[in-house]
Amino acid sequence: MKSGEVKGAPDEVPDDGGPGTRPDGRRDRWKAHRAERRREFVDAAIAAIRAVGPRISLDDVCAQAKVTKPVLYRHFRDKDDLHRAVLDQVATHLVIPRITGELARVHGDDRDLLRAAIGAYVALVREERDLYRYAMAHNGLGDGGDFVGSVEASIAGAVGMLLTARQDEPADDAETVAFGIVGMVQLATNRWLDRPTVSEESLMTTLTELAWTGLAPRVEGARTDATD
């Protein structure tokens, strides 16, 4: 436990009565209650990040949730456990759905689809820059919290499936291309967030052109083969 941290003892889970007794569902209800409280604290942490910035303290989270630190620590093992829960929430409920949702939409052509997905990522980073900076700062904590890895894998997986469906190429090769595109977009957007020397529109155009230069021969070549 880090200096200055105060842990509260985890709440006891009520016993259903032991062997031979008729279960009354109290244990399940208690677990559901604790899970709900944990989600509420994660939401409070996200609200605190948006209000205060990426360098929030536990005091900021507690103020947002209107609880004391001992109450908070009944639901999280330590500070890193809270960080990991926030990263998971940001990845699975914000970043990944936003990008994969854009990939699932109908677009004019493959280049439009690519630009829309890149634009969705860049716009999200701009809109949620404090959350994004928080996530990058706390990525890979302890035994989990791989925000970057989970986002990359989910988005690249979706892009890879689209490429596989559009070209006669092994899935492994398509996934390699997809990870290359995702990595390029992520690194360039990181740099733009810290040094916005070009407009958002210019960034999206440049990234789309770079990605499409590599994709076009594969996608258009597959279409030509299909019509021969």
Protein backbone atom coordinates (compact mmCIF):
# COMPACT_ATOMS: atom_id res chain seq x y z
CA MET A 1 0.00 0.00 0.00
CA LYS A 2 1.35 3.38 -0.95
CA SER A 3 2.13 6.02 1.63
CA GLY A 4 -0.86 8.13 2.47
CA GLU A 5 -3.42 5.57 1.32
CA VAL A 6 -6.07 4.46 3.75
CA LYS A 7 -7.78 1.18 3.04
CA GLY A 8 -11.14 0.24 4.38
CA ALA A 9 -11.98 -3.36 5.16
CA PRO A 10 -14.05 -4.96 2.38
CA ASP A 11 -17.71 -5.24 3.23
CA GLU A 12 -18.77 -8.65 4.44
CA VAL A 13 -21.00 -10.60 2.09
CA PRO A 14 -24.09 -11.75 3.99
CA ASP A 15 -24.31 -15.49 4.46
CA ASP A 16 -27.29 -17.27 2.91
CA GLY A 17 -27.51 -19.54 5.91
CA GLY A 18 -24.97 -22.24 5.13
CA PRO A 19 -25.41 -25.83 3.97
CA GLY A 20 -28.83 -27.33 4.39
CA THR A 21 -30.61 -23.99 4.48
CA ARG A 22 -32.82 -22.56 1.83
CA PRO A 23 -31.03 -19.80 -0.14
CA ASP A 24 -32.86 -16.50 -0.08
CA GLY A 25 -30.79 -14.68 -2.72
CA ARG A 26 -29.22 -12.26 -0.25
CA ARG A 27 -25.71 -13.09 -1.42
CA ASP A 28 -26.56 -12.44 -5.07
CA ARG A 29 -28.32 -9.21 -4.19
CA TRP A 30 -25.35 -8.09 -2.11
CA LYS A 31 -22.91 -8.84 -4.94
CA ALA A 32 -25.11 -6.92 -7.36
CA HIS A 33 -25.24 -4.00 -4.93
CA ARG A 34 -21.45 -3.93 -4.58
CA ALA A 35 -20.99 -4.11 -8.35
CA GLU A 36 -23.39 -1.20 -8.78
CA ARG A 37 -21.59 0.86 -6.13
CA ARG A 38 -18.27 0.13 -7.82
CA ARG A 39 -19.67 1.37 -11.15
CA GLU A 40 -20.92 4.52 -9.43
CA PHE A 41 -17.44 5.24 -8.09
CA VAL A 42 -15.89 4.66 -11.52
CA ASP A 43 -18.42 7.09 -13.01
CA ALA A 44 -17.50 9.58 -10.27
CA ALA A 45 -13.81 9.21 -11.14
CA ILE A 46 -14.54 9.85 -14.82
CA ALA A 47 -16.62 12.91 -13.91
CA ALA A 48 -13.74 14.15 -11.73
CA ILE A 49 -11.26 13.74 -14.59
CA ARG A 50 -13.51 15.74 -16.88
CA ALA A 51 -13.92 18.46 -14.25
CA VAL A 52 -10.41 18.67 -12.77
CA GLY A 53 -8.12 17.19 -15.42
CA PRO A 54 -6.08 14.01 -15.87
CA ARG A 55 -4.02 14.48 -12.69
CA ILE A 56 -6.86 13.85 -10.28
CA SER A 57 -6.35 12.74 -6.70
CA LEU A 58 -8.41 10.35 -4.62
CA ASP A 59 -9.72 13.41 -2.78
CA ASP A 60 -11.15 14.63 -6.10
CA VAL A 61 -12.87 11.28 -6.67
CA CYS A 62 -14.24 11.19 -3.13
CA ALA A 63 -15.52 14.76 -3.44
CA GLN A 64 -17.30 13.86 -6.68
CA ALA A 65 -18.78 10.69 -5.17
CA LYS A 66 -19.52 12.40 -1.83
CA VAL A 67 -17.83 9.64 0.20
CA THR A 68 -14.72 9.27 2.34
CA LYS A 69 -11.61 7.31 1.36
CA PRO A 70 -12.41 4.36 3.67
CA VAL A 71 -15.76 3.96 1.90
CA LEU A 72 -14.04 4.08 -1.50
CA TYR A 73 -11.53 1.42 -0.43
CA ARG A 74 -14.31 -0.98 0.49
CA HIS A 75 -14.84 -1.39 -3.23
CA PHE A 76 -11.27 -1.17 -4.59
CA ARG A 77 -8.15 -2.96 -3.38
CA ASP A 78 -5.98 0.12 -3.86
CA LYS A 79 -5.56 3.19 -6.03
CA ASP A 80 -4.34 1.15 -9.01
CA ASP A 81 -7.46 -1.02 -8.84
CA LEU A 82 -9.55 2.12 -9.28
CA HIS A 83 -7.33 3.29 -12.14
CA ARG A 84 -7.73 -0.07 -13.92
CA ALA A 85 -11.50 0.04 -13.51
CA VAL A 86 -11.60 3.52 -15.03
CA LEU A 87 -9.41 2.45 -17.97
CA ASP A 88 -11.67 -0.53 -18.63
CA GLN A 89 -14.75 1.70 -18.57
CA VAL A 90 -13.21 4.25 -20.93
CA ALA A 91 -12.03 1.57 -23.36
CA THR A 92 -15.11 -0.67 -23.45
CA HIS A 93 -17.87 1.93 -23.12
CA LEU A 94 -16.40 4.96 -24.88
CA VAL A 95 -13.48 4.48 -27.27
CA ILE A 96 -14.12 1.02 -28.75
CA PRO A 97 -17.89 1.46 -29.36
CA ARG A 98 -17.31 4.87 -30.97
CA ILE A 99 -14.81 3.56 -33.53
CA THR A 100 -16.28 0.12 -34.23
CA GLY A 101 -19.71 1.73 -34.52
CA GLU A 102 -18.37 3.99 -37.25
CA LEU A 103 -16.81 1.00 -39.02
CA ALA A 104 -20.18 -0.77 -38.98
CA ARG A 105 -22.01 2.10 -40.66
CA VAL A 106 -22.66 2.22 -44.41
CA HIS A 107 -20.34 4.61 -46.25
CA GLY A 108 -19.98 5.67 -49.87
CA ASP A 109 -16.82 3.65 -50.47
CA ASP A 110 -13.89 2.15 -48.62
CA ARG A 111 -11.94 5.40 -48.60
CA ASP A 112 -14.93 7.19 -47.03
CA LEU A 113 -15.15 4.43 -44.43
CA LEU A 114 -11.47 4.79 -43.60
CA ARG A 115 -11.72 8.57 -43.27
CA ALA A 116 -14.83 8.28 -41.09
CA ALA A 117 -13.14 5.84 -38.70
CA ILE A 118 -9.98 7.96 -38.47
CA GLY A 119 -12.09 11.08 -38.01
CA ALA A 120 -14.09 9.43 -35.23
CA TYR A 121 -10.90 8.56 -33.35
CA VAL A 122 -9.35 12.01 -33.74
CA ALA A 123 -12.61 13.72 -32.73
CA LEU A 124 -12.97 11.51 -29.67
CA VAL A 125 -9.43 12.27 -28.52
CA ARG A 126 -10.10 15.99 -28.96
CA GLU A 127 -13.45 15.87 -27.14
CA GLU A 128 -12.15 13.72 -24.29
CA ARG A 129 -8.55 14.88 -24.15
CA ASP A 130 -8.37 14.79 -20.34
CA LEU A 131 -9.76 11.25 -20.19
CA TYR A 132 -7.40 10.21 -22.98
CA ARG A 133 -4.36 11.71 -21.25
CA TYR A 134 -5.41 10.05 -17.99
CA ALA A 135 -5.73 6.69 -19.76
CA MET A 136 -2.33 6.99 -21.43
CA ALA A 137 -0.68 8.06 -18.16
CA HIS A 138 -2.09 5.07 -16.24
CA ASN A 139 -1.83 2.45 -18.97
CA GLY A 140 -0.40 -0.94 -17.99
CA LEU A 141 -0.67 -0.55 -14.22
CA GLY A 142 0.17 -3.60 -12.14
CA ASP A 143 -1.40 -6.81 -13.43
CA GLY A 144 -3.86 -5.18 -15.83
CA GLY A 145 -5.19 -1.94 -17.21
CA ASP A 146 -3.71 -2.30 -20.70
CA PHE A 147 -5.83 0.46 -22.19
CA VAL A 148 -3.71 0.87 -25.31
CA GLY A 149 -3.54 -2.86 -25.99
CA SER A 150 -7.25 -3.48 -25.58
CA VAL A 151 -8.20 -0.52 -27.78
CA GLU A 152 -5.66 -1.46 -30.46
CA ALA A 153 -6.75 -5.11 -30.49
CA SER A 154 -10.46 -4.33 -30.72
CA ILE A 155 -10.20 -1.68 -33.43
CA ALA A 156 -7.55 -3.52 -35.45
CA GLY A 157 -9.63 -6.69 -35.20
CA ALA A 158 -12.65 -4.90 -36.65
CA VAL A 159 -10.55 -3.33 -39.42
CA GLY A 160 -8.92 -6.69 -40.14
CA MET A 161 -12.29 -8.39 -40.59
CA LEU A 162 -13.35 -5.67 -43.03
CA LEU A 163 -10.15 -6.12 -45.02
CA THR A 164 -10.55 -9.89 -45.08
CA ALA A 165 -14.10 -9.51 -46.36
CA ARG A 166 -12.98 -7.13 -49.13
CA GLN A 167 -9.88 -8.89 -50.40
CA ASP A 168 -8.61 -12.36 -51.11
CA GLU A 169 -5.95 -12.25 -48.42
CA PRO A 170 -5.29 -14.42 -45.35
CA ALA A 171 -6.79 -13.07 -42.14
CA ASP A 172 -3.35 -12.85 -40.48
CA ASP A 173 -2.05 -10.59 -43.27
CA ALA A 174 -5.15 -8.40 -43.08
CA GLU A 175 -4.72 -8.07 -39.31
CA THR A 176 -1.08 -7.03 -39.75
CA VAL A 177 -2.18 -4.25 -42.11
CA ALA A 178 -4.94 -3.26 -39.69
CA PHE A 179 -2.54 -2.98 -36.73
CA GLY A 180 -0.22 -0.88 -38.89
CA ILE A 181 -3.02 1.58 -39.66
CA VAL A 182 -4.24 1.73 -36.05
CA GLY A 183 -0.72 2.26 -34.72
CA MET A 184 -0.03 5.05 -37.21
CA VAL A 185 -3.27 6.86 -36.39
CA GLN A 186 -2.76 6.50 -32.65
CA LEU A 187 0.82 7.77 -32.60
CA ALA A 188 0.12 10.67 -34.96
CA THR A 189 -2.94 11.69 -32.92
CA ASN A 190 -0.93 11.53 -29.69
CA ARG A 191 1.61 13.92 -31.16
CA TRP A 192 -1.12 16.21 -32.52
CA LEU A 193 -2.79 16.37 -29.12
CA ASP A 194 0.45 17.64 -27.56
CA ARG A 195 1.48 19.78 -30.53
CA PRO A 196 -1.54 20.80 -32.64
CA THR A 197 0.50 22.40 -35.41
CA VAL A 198 -2.09 21.49 -38.06
CA SER A 199 -5.87 21.61 -38.05
CA GLU A 200 -7.98 18.59 -37.17
CA GLU A 201 -9.22 18.44 -40.76
CA SER A 202 -5.66 18.49 -42.08
CA LEU A 203 -4.64 15.73 -39.69
CA MET A 204 -7.54 13.51 -40.79
CA THR A 205 -6.79 14.14 -44.47
CA THR A 206 -3.10 13.32 -44.10
CA LEU A 207 -3.74 10.13 -42.12
CA THR A 208 -6.43 9.01 -44.56
CA GLU A 209 -4.12 9.55 -47.55
CA LEU A 210 -1.27 7.65 -45.90
CA ALA A 211 -3.48 4.74 -44.89
CA TRP A 212 -5.29 4.63 -48.23
CA THR A 213 -1.98 4.53 -50.13
CA GLY A 214 -1.27 1.20 -48.50
CA LEU A 215 -4.83 -0.12 -48.63
CA ALA A 216 -5.93 0.88 -52.12
CA PRO A 217 -3.84 -1.69 -54.08
CA ARG A 218 -5.13 -4.49 -51.86
CA VAL A 219 -8.80 -3.52 -51.89
CA GLU A 220 -8.99 -2.43 -55.53
CA GLY A 221 -6.84 -5.36 -56.65
CA ALA A 222 -9.23 -7.77 -54.97
CA ARG A 223 -12.17 -6.15 -56.80
CA THR A 224 -10.38 -6.48 -60.15
CA ASP A 225 -9.67 -10.16 -59.54
CA ALA A 226 -13.30 -10.73 -58.59
CA THR A 227 -14.54 -9.31 -61.90
CA ASP A 228 -12.07 -11.20 -64.12
